[in-house]
Amino acid sequence: MLEELTIRDYALIDRLQMGFEAGLNLLSGETGAGKSILIGALGFVLGDKPDTGVIRAGAEESLVSAVFSIKGNSEALAWLSERGIETEGDSVLIRRSLKNNGRGSIYVQSAPVTRADLSDFTSLLIDLHGQHEHQSLLAPDKHRRFLDRFAGIEDEVLAYGKRFCLLTEKRKNFQLMLESESERARRRELLEFAVQEIEAAKLRAGEEEELEAEDKRLSQHEKLHEYMETAKRDLSASGEGALALLRQARQAMESASGIDQGLSDLSRRLDDSFYELEDLADSLRSYLDGLRFSPERLDQVSSRLAEIHRLRKKYGPGIPAILTKLDESRAELERLKGFDEDRGAIEAEIAALEREVYQTAGELSAKRSNAAGQLSSRIAAIIRSLGMPKAEFAISIQRKPDEGGKAVVGQYGFDVIEFLIAPNPGEPLKPLAKIASGGELSRVMLALKTVLAESDPLGTMVFDEIDAGIGGDVGVAVGEHLASLARHKQVFCITHLASIAAHADNHIKVEKYQEAGRTLTRVRRISNEERVMEIARMLSGAQGGEASVNHARELLKRFRAAGG
């Protein structure tokens, strides 16, 4: 359940903090007051794609945070536990910001998360249904998703899809292997050459770096010798070298420490420095004694590096990549060489996988058929109560067209699924896309969401203008239905219809106002007489007159008496 929403510098909203309760939370206000801004801010904190255009003019960033109660929501608790995110009691805090440069941050509690993670998590908390989503009912591929969700087979369909993709991949690979013998022979020849060439090079990990270092030493031998000779001379030259001078300093310090015992530590440190430099001088002499220039070795190193660079151009950016290419070429070569021997085994493996896929597709089809009757009956019952008393609703499940007498399966099975409706008596059932009006789509979607919500752990549902295309008695029926749904779920609804607004448990008014030459939006809970006046405005389209005020009072009295 959404407990609290805080918005800062989002569109026309300067500052807003509001708590929410269970039941039907109704948002109303004049056209353009900013109701869609509130839903937009909620969508933003739920994971919608960001747009810097929502940042309030003059502000540097927008910030939206939401507090949800996840008590009893095992899926949400498991999601948090898997990521080591701890909650405070039964609530979780989500914060999201967006700056003018397009950058932003997202936190669940104090843990940073990605937008994909945010969408994944909030999908376990709330279902936000916008008016544009009515159009999803016009796409038959969405019908399959709705039916699978109702049937509780979404995970099974996902697992089946993975096996189907594996079958498709194996079939494709097998077809590639069935290419002409000449093509396979050509491929084998290329692979054999690559394997022989790389093996003959006898490459070794780290070799290129070692050779480059040696090439640098050999190609700059004279400079290196000169630098080392200078270092040796300056360190150990007789009379003027650092060691000779340091030896004199030691003698002086020995004499001084004989006079002042407090200098013994300095004398010892000078001794240590002398012995260290003496050892360093020996090392320099050894290095110089071993420093030899070999034109032959330089040629060998240069030739070997050239060979490695040539192989890099053909097989990879470095020795590790070349060796990986060698392994891959060997493996592919083995597959090609063993194709004729393995062909029977491959065909048997594909046949076994086909049987598994076809069997699972049949099982999914049976489960869909069983669920389709239940879902269509329940949707039909709801839409009949929403002002379509004679409507018929059905779910068509057809098999994909056969190819060559063999049933065709796809990533989701055999079935082509489509919702059908006959809004009026005597009309044949036809696809929603062909005959349903906007108001009818709204009611079908409301019915579908209601049925799916019954088995859904989501605690909150948001309907953005579910009243599109309806009015009169239908609006009354929709209001009653939303009120009934709100007994089990927290429901948010934006509406222009007084007959829906009168059912609200919590009535929230959205309005524009002017301040210091700026237009802002504010949101506040209304009750008692103020609520009467708002419903009167919704009835009359202007400041309520006496008739509309009396009508508003009557609506509120009637629906309170009915438990709305």
Protein backbone atom coordinates (compact mmCIF):
# COMPACT_ATOMS: atom_id res chain seq x y z
CA MET A 1 0.00 0.00 0.00
CA LEU A 2 1.21 3.51 -0.85
CA GLU A 3 1.50 5.33 2.46
CA GLU A 4 3.20 8.60 1.54
CA LEU A 5 4.31 10.52 -1.55
CA THR A 6 6.76 13.44 -1.49
CA ILE A 7 7.36 15.55 -4.60
CA ARG A 8 9.81 18.41 -5.06
CA ASP A 9 10.24 20.58 -8.17
CA TYR A 10 8.31 18.26 -10.52
CA ALA A 11 6.51 20.07 -13.38
CA LEU A 12 4.17 22.59 -11.70
CA ILE A 13 4.58 21.08 -8.24
CA ASP A 14 6.93 23.06 -6.02
CA ARG A 15 6.69 21.10 -2.77
CA LEU A 16 4.22 18.39 -1.86
CA GLN A 17 4.06 15.80 0.87
CA MET A 18 0.94 13.74 1.31
CA GLY A 19 -0.11 10.63 3.18
CA PHE A 20 -2.60 8.12 1.79
CA GLU A 21 -4.92 5.56 3.29
CA ALA A 22 -6.54 2.29 2.32
CA GLY A 23 -9.76 2.27 0.31
CA LEU A 24 -10.73 4.37 -2.71
CA ASN A 25 -8.53 7.46 -3.06
CA LEU A 26 -10.22 9.75 -5.57
CA LEU A 27 -8.39 12.59 -7.37
CA SER A 28 -10.45 15.31 -9.00
CA GLY A 29 -9.92 18.83 -10.27
CA GLU A 30 -10.58 21.09 -13.19
CA THR A 31 -9.13 20.22 -16.58
CA GLY A 32 -5.47 21.29 -16.64
CA ALA A 33 -5.19 21.49 -12.87
CA GLY A 34 -2.38 18.97 -12.85
CA LYS A 35 -3.94 15.59 -12.07
CA SER A 36 -1.80 13.94 -14.74
CA ILE A 37 1.27 15.58 -13.18
CA LEU A 38 0.63 13.71 -9.94
CA ILE A 39 0.30 10.41 -11.83
CA GLY A 40 3.41 11.30 -13.82
CA ALA A 41 5.38 11.87 -10.62
CA LEU A 42 4.16 8.55 -9.28
CA GLY A 43 5.15 6.84 -12.52
CA PHE A 44 8.58 8.47 -12.27
CA VAL A 45 9.26 7.05 -8.80
CA LEU A 46 7.98 3.67 -10.01
CA GLY A 47 10.54 3.48 -12.83
CA ASP A 48 9.19 5.28 -15.90
CA LYS A 49 11.78 6.55 -18.39
CA PRO A 50 12.98 10.00 -17.23
CA ASP A 51 12.56 13.23 -19.18
CA THR A 52 14.32 16.41 -18.04
CA GLY A 53 11.30 18.36 -19.25
CA VAL A 54 9.51 17.43 -16.01
CA ILE A 55 11.97 19.44 -13.90
CA ARG A 56 10.21 22.57 -12.66
CA ALA A 57 11.33 25.74 -14.42
CA GLY A 58 14.13 27.39 -12.49
CA ALA A 59 14.99 24.24 -10.51
CA GLU A 60 18.10 22.11 -10.93
CA GLU A 61 16.54 18.74 -10.19
CA SER A 62 13.30 16.93 -9.47
CA LEU A 63 13.00 14.61 -6.49
CA VAL A 64 10.17 12.16 -5.82
CA SER A 65 10.01 9.69 -2.95
CA ALA A 66 7.38 7.14 -1.96
CA VAL A 67 6.82 5.05 1.14
CA PHE A 68 5.11 1.69 0.65
CA SER A 69 3.86 -0.78 3.21
CA ILE A 70 4.96 -4.28 2.17
CA LYS A 71 3.40 -6.14 5.08
CA GLY A 72 2.44 -9.61 3.88
CA ASN A 73 3.94 -9.07 0.40
CA SER A 74 6.22 -12.12 0.29
CA GLU A 75 7.48 -11.43 -3.25
CA ALA A 76 8.59 -7.89 -2.38
CA LEU A 77 10.22 -9.09 0.85
CA ALA A 78 12.07 -11.83 -1.05
CA TRP A 79 13.28 -9.29 -3.65
CA LEU A 80 14.73 -7.10 -0.91
CA SER A 81 16.26 -10.06 0.94
CA GLU A 82 18.02 -11.30 -2.20
CA ARG A 83 19.76 -7.94 -2.48
CA GLY A 84 20.54 -7.53 1.21
CA ILE A 85 18.23 -4.52 1.59
CA GLU A 86 16.77 -4.18 5.06
CA THR A 87 13.43 -2.53 5.82
CA GLU A 88 12.29 -0.46 8.76
CA GLY A 89 9.28 -2.29 10.13
CA ASP A 90 6.80 -3.03 7.34
CA SER A 91 7.66 -0.01 5.18
CA VAL A 92 10.13 0.63 2.38
CA LEU A 93 11.30 4.01 1.07
CA ILE A 94 11.96 4.63 -2.64
CA ARG A 95 13.73 7.83 -3.73
CA ARG A 96 14.46 9.00 -7.26
CA SER A 97 16.00 12.23 -8.53
CA LEU A 98 16.66 13.70 -11.98
CA LYS A 99 19.01 16.60 -12.75
CA ASN A 100 18.98 19.00 -15.69
CA ASN A 101 21.96 17.22 -17.25
CA GLY A 102 19.91 14.02 -17.49
CA ARG A 103 21.70 12.26 -14.65
CA GLY A 104 19.85 10.98 -11.64
CA SER A 105 19.88 8.59 -8.73
CA ILE A 106 17.58 5.83 -7.51
CA TYR A 107 17.53 4.35 -4.01
CA VAL A 108 15.48 1.62 -2.40
CA GLN A 109 15.98 2.31 1.29
CA SER A 110 19.66 3.36 1.31
CA ALA A 111 20.73 1.00 -1.49
CA PRO A 112 21.35 2.43 -4.99
CA VAL A 113 19.58 0.47 -7.75
CA THR A 114 19.18 0.67 -11.53
CA ARG A 115 16.00 1.81 -13.28
CA ALA A 116 15.42 -1.76 -14.43
CA ASP A 117 15.69 -2.96 -10.83
CA LEU A 118 13.32 -0.21 -9.72
CA SER A 119 10.69 -1.21 -12.29
CA ASP A 120 11.12 -4.85 -11.32
CA PHE A 121 10.60 -4.10 -7.62
CA THR A 122 7.70 -1.67 -7.94
CA SER A 123 5.87 -4.09 -10.24
CA LEU A 124 5.48 -6.16 -7.05
CA LEU A 125 3.87 -3.23 -5.21
CA ILE A 126 1.52 -1.34 -7.50
CA ASP A 127 -0.34 -1.56 -10.81
CA LEU A 128 -0.51 1.83 -12.54
CA HIS A 129 -3.05 1.80 -15.34
CA GLY A 130 -3.12 4.80 -17.67
CA GLN A 131 -5.80 5.66 -20.19
CA HIS A 132 -3.48 4.76 -23.08
CA GLU A 133 -3.34 1.20 -21.76
CA HIS A 134 -6.90 0.64 -22.95
CA GLN A 135 -5.30 0.36 -26.37
CA SER A 136 -3.30 -2.67 -25.24
CA LEU A 137 -6.59 -4.55 -25.45
CA LEU A 138 -6.47 -4.02 -29.20
CA ALA A 139 -3.25 -6.05 -29.52
CA PRO A 140 -3.91 -9.83 -29.53
CA ASP A 141 -0.38 -10.59 -28.30
CA LYS A 142 -1.32 -8.87 -25.01
CA HIS A 143 -4.41 -11.10 -24.73
CA ARG A 144 -2.17 -14.16 -24.44
CA ARG A 145 -0.29 -12.51 -21.56
CA PHE A 146 -3.51 -11.65 -19.72
CA LEU A 147 -4.82 -15.22 -20.08
CA ASP A 148 -1.52 -16.78 -18.98
CA ARG A 149 -1.45 -14.53 -15.93
CA PHE A 150 -4.99 -15.54 -14.97
CA ALA A 151 -4.18 -19.21 -15.53
CA GLY A 152 -1.08 -18.89 -13.34
CA ILE A 153 1.20 -20.36 -16.00
CA GLU A 154 3.51 -17.42 -16.69
CA ASP A 155 6.55 -19.23 -15.25
CA GLU A 156 5.69 -22.37 -17.23
CA VAL A 157 5.40 -20.35 -20.44
CA LEU A 158 8.76 -18.73 -19.72
CA ALA A 159 10.43 -22.12 -19.16
CA TYR A 160 8.77 -23.49 -22.30
CA GLY A 161 10.02 -20.48 -24.29
CA LYS A 162 13.60 -21.23 -23.26
CA ARG A 163 13.28 -24.84 -24.46
CA PHE A 164 11.70 -23.65 -27.71
CA CYS A 165 14.59 -21.23 -28.30
CA LEU A 166 17.05 -24.08 -27.63
CA LEU A 167 15.24 -26.22 -30.20
CA THR A 168 15.35 -23.37 -32.71
CA GLU A 169 19.08 -22.92 -32.13
CA LYS A 170 19.82 -26.63 -32.53
CA ARG A 171 17.76 -26.78 -35.73
CA LYS A 172 19.63 -23.79 -37.10
CA ASN A 173 23.01 -25.26 -36.23
CA PHE A 174 22.01 -28.57 -37.80
CA GLN A 175 20.98 -26.82 -40.99
CA LEU A 176 24.35 -25.09 -41.09
CA MET A 177 26.01 -28.45 -40.72
CA LEU A 178 23.97 -29.77 -43.64
CA GLU A 179 25.54 -27.29 -46.02
CA SER A 180 27.21 -28.68 -49.13
CA GLU A 181 30.21 -30.92 -48.69
CA SER A 182 32.36 -28.48 -50.63
CA GLU A 183 31.47 -25.67 -48.22
CA ARG A 184 32.27 -27.84 -45.21
CA ALA A 185 35.51 -28.95 -46.83
CA ARG A 186 36.47 -25.32 -47.42
CA ARG A 187 35.70 -24.48 -43.83
CA ARG A 188 37.72 -27.45 -42.58
CA GLU A 189 40.68 -26.36 -44.70
CA LEU A 190 40.59 -22.83 -43.25
CA LEU A 191 40.37 -24.15 -39.70
CA GLU A 192 43.16 -26.68 -40.21
CA PHE A 193 45.44 -23.95 -41.58
CA ALA A 194 44.65 -21.67 -38.63
CA VAL A 195 45.34 -24.44 -36.10
CA GLN A 196 48.62 -25.40 -37.78
CA GLU A 197 49.78 -21.79 -38.07
CA ILE A 198 49.03 -20.92 -34.44
CA GLU A 199 50.43 -24.20 -33.10
CA ALA A 200 53.64 -23.74 -35.12
CA ALA A 201 54.15 -20.33 -33.52
CA LYS A 202 54.33 -21.95 -30.03
CA LEU A 203 52.98 -18.81 -28.39
CA ARG A 204 53.29 -18.37 -24.67
CA ALA A 205 51.27 -16.12 -22.36
CA GLY A 206 53.27 -13.00 -21.45
CA GLU A 207 55.79 -13.59 -24.21
CA GLU A 208 54.96 -10.48 -26.20
CA GLU A 209 55.51 -8.18 -23.22
CA GLU A 210 58.86 -9.84 -22.43
CA LEU A 211 60.02 -9.50 -26.04
CA GLU A 212 59.02 -5.85 -26.23
CA ALA A 213 61.02 -5.13 -23.07
CA GLU A 214 64.06 -6.98 -24.48
CA ASP A 215 63.71 -5.22 -27.83
CA LYS A 216 63.77 -1.89 -26.05
CA ARG A 217 66.95 -2.81 -24.15
CA LEU A 218 68.75 -4.07 -27.26
CA SER A 219 67.71 -1.28 -29.61
CA GLN A 220 68.89 1.36 -27.07
CA HIS A 221 71.95 -0.54 -25.87
CA GLU A 222 74.41 2.35 -26.24
CA LYS A 223 72.27 4.77 -24.22
CA LEU A 224 71.63 2.15 -21.56
CA HIS A 225 75.35 1.36 -21.27
CA GLU A 226 76.20 5.06 -21.05
CA TYR A 227 73.62 5.71 -18.32
CA MET A 228 74.75 2.73 -16.28
CA GLU A 229 78.45 3.60 -16.67
CA THR A 230 77.77 7.12 -15.46
CA ALA A 231 75.85 5.82 -12.46
CA LYS A 232 78.69 3.41 -11.59
CA ARG A 233 81.35 6.09 -11.97
CA ASP A 234 79.51 8.66 -9.88
CA LEU A 235 78.97 6.08 -7.19
CA SER A 236 82.34 4.36 -6.91
CA ALA A 237 85.00 6.49 -8.64
CA SER A 238 88.22 6.68 -6.60
CA GLY A 239 88.50 9.86 -4.59
CA GLU A 240 85.44 11.63 -6.07
CA GLY A 241 82.72 8.98 -6.08
CA ALA A 242 79.87 8.91 -3.63
CA LEU A 243 81.37 5.90 -1.83
CA ALA A 244 84.73 7.60 -1.35
CA LEU A 245 83.09 10.71 0.05
CA LEU A 246 80.81 8.63 2.22
CA ARG A 247 83.84 6.69 3.54
CA GLN A 248 85.42 9.98 4.61
CA ALA A 249 82.18 11.03 6.26
CA ARG A 250 82.10 7.70 8.20
CA GLN A 251 85.57 8.30 9.54
CA ALA A 252 84.60 11.79 10.65
CA MET A 253 81.45 10.51 12.34
CA GLU A 254 83.37 7.74 14.13
CA SER A 255 85.70 10.38 15.57
CA ALA A 256 82.79 12.66 16.50
CA SER A 257 80.84 9.88 18.23
CA GLY A 258 83.94 9.08 20.26
CA ILE A 259 83.60 12.56 21.71
CA ASP A 260 79.78 12.67 21.92
CA GLN A 261 78.09 9.30 22.48
CA GLY A 262 74.79 10.87 21.47
CA LEU A 263 76.02 10.78 17.85
CA SER A 264 76.32 6.97 17.82
CA ASP A 265 72.86 6.54 16.23
CA LEU A 266 73.77 8.93 13.41
CA SER A 267 77.07 7.14 12.97
CA ARG A 268 75.28 3.77 12.73
CA ARG A 269 72.81 5.14 10.15
CA LEU A 270 75.76 6.46 8.11
CA ASP A 271 77.35 3.01 8.25
CA ASP A 272 74.12 1.43 7.02
CA SER A 273 73.96 3.90 4.12
CA PHE A 274 77.57 3.16 3.20
CA TYR A 275 77.03 -0.61 3.11
CA GLU A 276 73.82 -0.20 1.12
CA LEU A 277 75.57 1.97 -1.48
CA GLU A 278 78.52 -0.42 -1.55
CA ASP A 279 76.10 -3.28 -2.33
CA LEU A 280 74.41 -1.13 -4.97
CA ALA A 281 77.80 -0.42 -6.58
CA ASP A 282 78.50 -4.16 -6.78
CA SER A 283 75.10 -4.67 -8.44
CA LEU A 284 75.84 -1.93 -10.98
CA ARG A 285 79.21 -3.53 -11.79
CA SER A 286 77.56 -6.94 -12.21
CA TYR A 287 74.86 -5.49 -14.49
CA LEU A 288 77.49 -3.75 -16.64
CA ASP A 289 79.66 -6.85 -16.79
CA GLY A 290 76.67 -8.80 -18.11
CA LEU A 291 75.47 -6.09 -20.49
CA ARG A 292 76.16 -7.32 -23.99
CA PHE A 293 74.84 -6.18 -27.33
CA SER A 294 73.97 -8.91 -29.80
CA PRO A 295 72.81 -7.88 -33.28
CA GLU A 296 71.76 -11.47 -33.87
CA ARG A 297 69.54 -11.48 -30.78
CA LEU A 298 68.01 -8.12 -31.77
CA ASP A 299 67.13 -9.62 -35.15
CA GLN A 300 65.61 -12.67 -33.46
CA VAL A 301 63.50 -10.53 -31.11
CA SER A 302 62.34 -8.25 -33.92
CA SER A 303 61.47 -11.22 -36.10
CA ARG A 304 59.51 -12.90 -33.31
CA LEU A 305 57.57 -9.71 -32.56
CA ALA A 306 56.76 -9.32 -36.24
CA GLU A 307 55.44 -12.88 -36.29
CA ILE A 308 53.24 -12.21 -33.24
CA HIS A 309 51.92 -8.98 -34.76
CA ARG A 310 51.09 -10.82 -37.99
CA LEU A 311 49.09 -13.42 -36.06
CA ARG A 312 47.35 -10.67 -34.09
CA LYS A 313 46.03 -9.12 -37.30
CA LYS A 314 44.55 -12.47 -38.33
CA TYR A 315 43.34 -14.03 -35.11
CA GLY A 316 42.99 -11.53 -32.27
CA PRO A 317 44.27 -8.43 -30.49
CA GLY A 318 46.78 -10.28 -28.33
CA ILE A 319 48.28 -13.67 -27.48
CA PRO A 320 45.39 -14.63 -25.12
CA ALA A 321 42.87 -13.93 -27.91
CA ILE A 322 44.97 -15.88 -30.42
CA LEU A 323 45.14 -18.87 -28.08
CA THR A 324 41.37 -18.64 -27.56
CA LYS A 325 40.94 -18.65 -31.33
CA LEU A 326 43.09 -21.78 -31.43
CA ASP A 327 40.83 -23.56 -28.94
CA GLU A 328 37.69 -22.48 -30.79
CA SER A 329 39.10 -23.58 -34.14
CA ARG A 330 40.07 -26.97 -32.74
CA ALA A 331 36.59 -27.44 -31.29
CA GLU A 332 34.82 -26.45 -34.51
CA LEU A 333 37.17 -28.63 -36.51
CA GLU A 334 36.29 -31.58 -34.31
CA ARG A 335 32.60 -30.92 -34.85
CA LEU A 336 33.06 -30.76 -38.59
CA LYS A 337 35.20 -33.87 -38.72
CA GLY A 338 32.77 -35.78 -36.55
CA PHE A 339 29.62 -34.53 -38.29
CA ASP A 340 28.91 -37.66 -40.27
CA GLU A 341 29.43 -39.88 -37.21
CA ASP A 342 27.40 -37.56 -34.96
CA ARG A 343 24.64 -36.76 -37.42
CA GLY A 344 22.40 -39.54 -36.16
CA ALA A 345 22.88 -38.50 -32.53
CA ILE A 346 22.15 -34.86 -33.36
CA GLU A 347 18.97 -35.78 -35.21
CA ALA A 348 17.86 -37.93 -32.27
CA GLU A 349 18.56 -35.08 -29.83
CA ILE A 350 16.52 -32.64 -31.93
CA ALA A 351 13.67 -35.16 -32.27
CA ALA A 352 13.58 -35.69 -28.49
CA LEU A 353 13.57 -31.93 -27.88
CA GLU A 354 10.78 -31.52 -30.45
CA ARG A 355 8.65 -34.11 -28.64
CA GLU A 356 9.24 -32.29 -25.36
CA VAL A 357 8.34 -28.89 -26.86
CA TYR A 358 5.22 -30.18 -28.59
CA GLN A 359 4.07 -32.00 -25.46
CA THR A 360 4.58 -28.91 -23.28
CA ALA A 361 2.85 -26.70 -25.86
CA GLY A 362 -0.12 -29.05 -25.74
CA GLU A 363 -0.21 -28.92 -21.93
CA LEU A 364 -0.11 -25.11 -22.00
CA SER A 365 -2.88 -25.07 -24.57
CA ALA A 366 -5.07 -27.29 -22.37
CA LYS A 367 -4.49 -25.06 -19.33
CA ARG A 368 -5.33 -21.97 -21.37
CA SER A 369 -8.55 -23.58 -22.61
CA ASN A 370 -9.59 -24.42 -19.06
CA ALA A 371 -8.80 -20.92 -17.81
CA ALA A 372 -10.34 -19.14 -20.81
CA GLY A 373 -13.87 -20.19 -19.93
CA GLN A 374 -13.51 -19.01 -16.34
CA LEU A 375 -11.86 -15.70 -17.30
CA SER A 376 -14.37 -14.87 -20.03
CA SER A 377 -17.33 -15.66 -17.73
CA ARG A 378 -16.02 -13.44 -14.96
CA ILE A 379 -15.18 -10.56 -17.31
CA ALA A 380 -18.61 -10.85 -18.92
CA ALA A 381 -20.30 -10.72 -15.51
CA ILE A 382 -18.42 -7.55 -14.55
CA ILE A 383 -18.94 -5.65 -17.82
CA ARG A 384 -22.65 -6.49 -17.66
CA SER A 385 -22.74 -4.78 -14.27
CA LEU A 386 -20.95 -1.79 -15.80
CA GLY A 387 -23.71 -0.70 -18.14
CA MET A 388 -23.47 -3.40 -20.81
CA PRO A 389 -26.22 -5.75 -19.54
CA LYS A 390 -26.52 -7.85 -22.70
CA ALA A 391 -22.83 -7.99 -23.62
CA GLU A 392 -21.16 -11.27 -24.44
CA PHE A 393 -17.45 -11.82 -23.97
CA ALA A 394 -15.34 -14.78 -25.09
CA ILE A 395 -11.73 -15.78 -25.56
CA SER A 396 -10.81 -17.38 -28.87
CA ILE A 397 -7.98 -19.93 -28.80
CA GLN A 398 -6.90 -21.11 -32.23
CA ARG A 399 -3.97 -23.24 -33.32
CA LYS A 400 -1.31 -21.70 -35.53
CA PRO A 401 -1.79 -22.75 -39.19
CA ASP A 402 -0.23 -26.11 -40.03
CA GLU A 403 2.74 -26.34 -42.37
CA GLY A 404 2.85 -29.45 -44.46
CA GLY A 405 0.29 -31.17 -42.25
CA LYS A 406 2.38 -30.57 -39.11
CA ALA A 407 1.24 -28.34 -36.25
CA VAL A 408 3.32 -25.21 -35.83
CA VAL A 409 4.63 -24.09 -32.45
CA GLY A 410 6.05 -20.72 -31.53
CA GLN A 411 7.82 -19.21 -28.56
CA TYR A 412 4.56 -19.27 -26.58
CA GLY A 413 3.12 -22.53 -27.83
CA PHE A 414 0.49 -23.54 -30.37
CA ASP A 415 -2.06 -20.89 -29.60
CA VAL A 416 -3.26 -17.69 -31.21
CA ILE A 417 -5.39 -15.97 -28.54
CA GLU A 418 -7.81 -13.11 -29.03
CA PHE A 419 -10.51 -11.44 -26.92
CA LEU A 420 -13.95 -11.22 -28.58
CA ILE A 421 -16.98 -9.15 -27.62
CA ALA A 422 -20.58 -8.65 -28.69
CA PRO A 423 -21.70 -5.44 -26.93
CA ASN A 424 -25.33 -5.73 -27.98
CA PRO A 425 -27.86 -8.56 -28.36
CA GLY A 426 -28.02 -10.20 -31.76
CA GLU A 427 -24.47 -9.19 -32.72
CA PRO A 428 -21.86 -11.88 -33.41
CA LEU A 429 -18.71 -12.03 -31.31
CA LYS A 430 -15.95 -10.04 -32.99
CA PRO A 431 -12.41 -8.95 -32.05
CA LEU A 432 -12.26 -5.99 -29.67
CA ALA A 433 -10.19 -4.06 -32.19
CA LYS A 434 -13.04 -4.11 -34.72
CA ILE A 435 -16.04 -3.02 -32.69
CA ALA A 436 -15.23 -1.82 -29.18
CA SER A 437 -15.57 1.91 -28.41
CA GLY A 438 -13.32 3.80 -26.02
CA GLY A 439 -15.86 3.53 -23.22
CA GLU A 440 -16.29 -0.19 -23.81
CA LEU A 441 -12.54 -0.73 -23.77
CA SER A 442 -12.36 1.13 -20.44
CA ARG A 443 -14.93 -1.19 -18.92
CA VAL A 444 -13.35 -4.35 -20.33
CA MET A 445 -9.97 -3.27 -18.94
CA LEU A 446 -11.50 -2.49 -15.55
CA ALA A 447 -13.13 -5.92 -15.50
CA LEU A 448 -9.88 -7.61 -16.53
CA LYS A 449 -7.83 -5.74 -13.94
CA THR A 450 -10.38 -6.63 -11.28
CA VAL A 451 -10.30 -10.34 -12.06
CA LEU A 452 -6.51 -10.45 -12.22
CA ALA A 453 -6.21 -8.47 -8.99
CA GLU A 454 -8.05 -11.17 -7.05
CA SER A 455 -5.07 -13.50 -7.24
CA ASP A 456 -2.44 -10.75 -7.33
CA PRO A 457 -0.36 -9.81 -4.24
CA LEU A 458 -0.24 -6.17 -5.38
CA GLY A 459 -1.75 -3.98 -2.70
CA THR A 460 -2.34 -0.84 -4.80
CA MET A 461 -4.04 -0.14 -8.12
CA VAL A 462 -4.05 3.21 -9.96
CA PHE A 463 -6.63 4.04 -12.64
CA ASP A 464 -5.93 7.18 -14.65
CA GLU A 465 -9.25 8.35 -16.11
CA ILE A 466 -10.90 4.93 -16.22
CA ASP A 467 -14.10 6.88 -16.93
CA ALA A 468 -13.00 7.73 -20.49
CA GLY A 469 -15.98 7.60 -22.84
CA ILE A 470 -18.61 6.84 -20.19
CA GLY A 471 -21.15 8.75 -18.15
CA GLY A 472 -24.64 8.61 -16.67
CA ASP A 473 -25.72 5.28 -15.23
CA VAL A 474 -22.52 3.65 -16.47
CA GLY A 475 -20.51 6.09 -14.35
CA VAL A 476 -22.57 5.10 -11.32
CA ALA A 477 -21.88 1.43 -12.02
CA VAL A 478 -18.16 2.06 -12.46
CA GLY A 479 -18.08 3.99 -9.18
CA GLU A 480 -19.81 1.15 -7.35
CA HIS A 481 -17.40 -1.34 -8.85
CA LEU A 482 -14.35 0.71 -7.86
CA ALA A 483 -15.70 1.05 -4.35
CA SER A 484 -16.19 -2.71 -4.17
CA LEU A 485 -12.66 -3.31 -5.45
CA ALA A 486 -11.32 -0.82 -2.87
CA ARG A 487 -12.57 -3.02 -0.04
CA HIS A 488 -9.73 -5.42 -0.87
CA LYS A 489 -7.15 -3.15 -2.54
CA GLN A 490 -5.93 0.38 -2.14
CA VAL A 491 -7.33 2.08 -5.24
CA PHE A 492 -6.39 5.46 -6.74
CA CYS A 493 -8.63 6.90 -9.43
CA ILE A 494 -8.58 10.12 -11.42
CA THR A 495 -12.06 11.02 -12.63
CA HIS A 496 -14.25 13.81 -13.97
CA LEU A 497 -17.47 12.04 -12.97
CA ALA A 498 -19.27 13.04 -9.78
CA SER A 499 -20.99 9.63 -9.68
CA ILE A 500 -17.56 8.03 -9.23
CA ALA A 501 -16.14 10.71 -6.94
CA ALA A 502 -19.01 10.34 -4.51
CA HIS A 503 -17.86 6.79 -3.70
CA ALA A 504 -14.43 7.90 -2.48
CA ASP A 505 -13.15 7.00 0.93
CA ASN A 506 -10.56 9.78 0.58
CA HIS A 507 -11.26 12.66 -1.80
CA ILE A 508 -8.17 14.55 -3.00
CA LYS A 509 -8.45 17.78 -4.95
CA VAL A 510 -5.81 18.93 -7.44
CA GLU A 511 -5.80 22.63 -8.28
CA LYS A 512 -3.65 25.35 -9.79
CA TYR A 513 -2.80 28.60 -8.05
CA GLN A 514 -0.66 31.67 -8.66
CA GLU A 515 2.22 32.70 -6.41
CA ALA A 516 4.82 35.40 -7.12
CA GLY A 517 3.92 35.37 -10.79
CA ARG A 518 4.32 31.60 -11.10
CA THR A 519 1.71 28.92 -11.77
CA LEU A 520 1.89 26.01 -9.34
CA THR A 521 -0.12 22.88 -8.58
CA ARG A 522 -1.18 21.82 -5.11
CA VAL A 523 -2.89 18.69 -3.85
CA ARG A 524 -4.98 18.47 -0.69
CA ARG A 525 -7.55 16.22 0.94
CA ILE A 526 -11.06 17.65 1.11
CA SER A 527 -14.06 16.65 3.18
CA ASN A 528 -17.44 17.78 4.46
CA GLU A 529 -18.75 20.95 2.82
CA GLU A 530 -15.70 21.43 0.64
CA ARG A 531 -16.23 17.97 -0.82
CA VAL A 532 -19.88 18.77 -1.46
CA MET A 533 -18.85 21.87 -3.42
CA GLU A 534 -16.27 19.93 -5.47
CA ILE A 535 -18.80 17.26 -6.45
CA ALA A 536 -21.29 20.02 -7.27
CA ARG A 537 -18.68 21.57 -9.57
CA MET A 538 -18.18 18.18 -11.26
CA LEU A 539 -21.94 17.94 -11.78
CA SER A 540 -22.47 21.41 -13.22
CA GLY A 541 -19.10 22.10 -14.83
CA ALA A 542 -18.79 25.38 -12.91
CA GLN A 543 -19.14 26.70 -9.37
CA GLY A 544 -22.10 24.69 -8.10
CA GLY A 545 -25.52 26.32 -7.97
CA GLU A 546 -28.15 25.33 -5.49
CA ALA A 547 -29.45 22.48 -7.63
CA SER A 548 -26.04 20.94 -8.17
CA VAL A 549 -25.15 21.37 -4.49
CA ASN A 550 -28.31 19.59 -3.44
CA HIS A 551 -27.60 16.86 -6.01
CA ALA A 552 -24.07 16.50 -4.61
CA ARG A 553 -25.40 16.12 -1.08
CA GLU A 554 -27.86 13.51 -2.29
CA LEU A 555 -25.12 11.54 -4.07
CA LEU A 556 -22.90 11.53 -0.99
CA LYS A 557 -25.76 10.56 1.27
CA ARG A 558 -26.86 7.75 -1.03
CA PHE A 559 -23.41 6.22 -1.48
CA ARG A 560 -22.49 6.53 2.19
CA ALA A 561 -25.70 4.69 3.02
CA ALA A 562 -24.73 2.03 0.47
CA GLY A 563 -21.28 1.68 2.07
CA GLY A 564 -19.46 3.64 -0.63
